């Protein structure tokens, strides 16, 4: 059975950004260092970068509530099983556990896709096509900073570097130093 998902600009954005050089590594680093949900980081950036603006505290809470259990129990659970299969596990032959690991990764990605659709449905903002790129970048950076604060930490230099890498893939027309400064300002507020 093949699972079909409806087209959505948030998923398309995530595939494009995550597939950019260094972004996957930056996302995983934030996930492992800080325990953040990469889908929420991308959601925060997408809202700003696409012209949907800054998320209110209520909208951010609604997004968190919509996917918290799904991410914790399903996505993170699948990732833990997949990680456990790295390098094989006796008595299952390594080639078989590797094949299972690949299948679990596909299911994990489908579950992340479902999570992203739930996020988009939890906060249904309309894009404003006329917002200039610098305003979009400010909004995206502010959204991520708000999520990090809500997650209970103030970003350090390493977090800022990772966030800047992701923002740069989403908003390549803005300079890296300008994006980094926006991230620093967001962390300080």
Foldseek 3Di string as FASTA:
>chain_A
DDDDDDDDPLVVLCVQLCPDPPLVVLLVVCCVVQVDDSLQLSVLLCCLLQQLFADDPVLSVLLCVQCVCLCVPPLVVLVVQLVVCVPHDPPDDNVVSVVVSVVSVVVSVVSSVVSNVSSCVSDPGDHDPPDDRVRSLLRSLLSNLVVSVVSPDQDDPSNLVSSLSSSCSSRVVDDSVSSSVSNVVSSVD
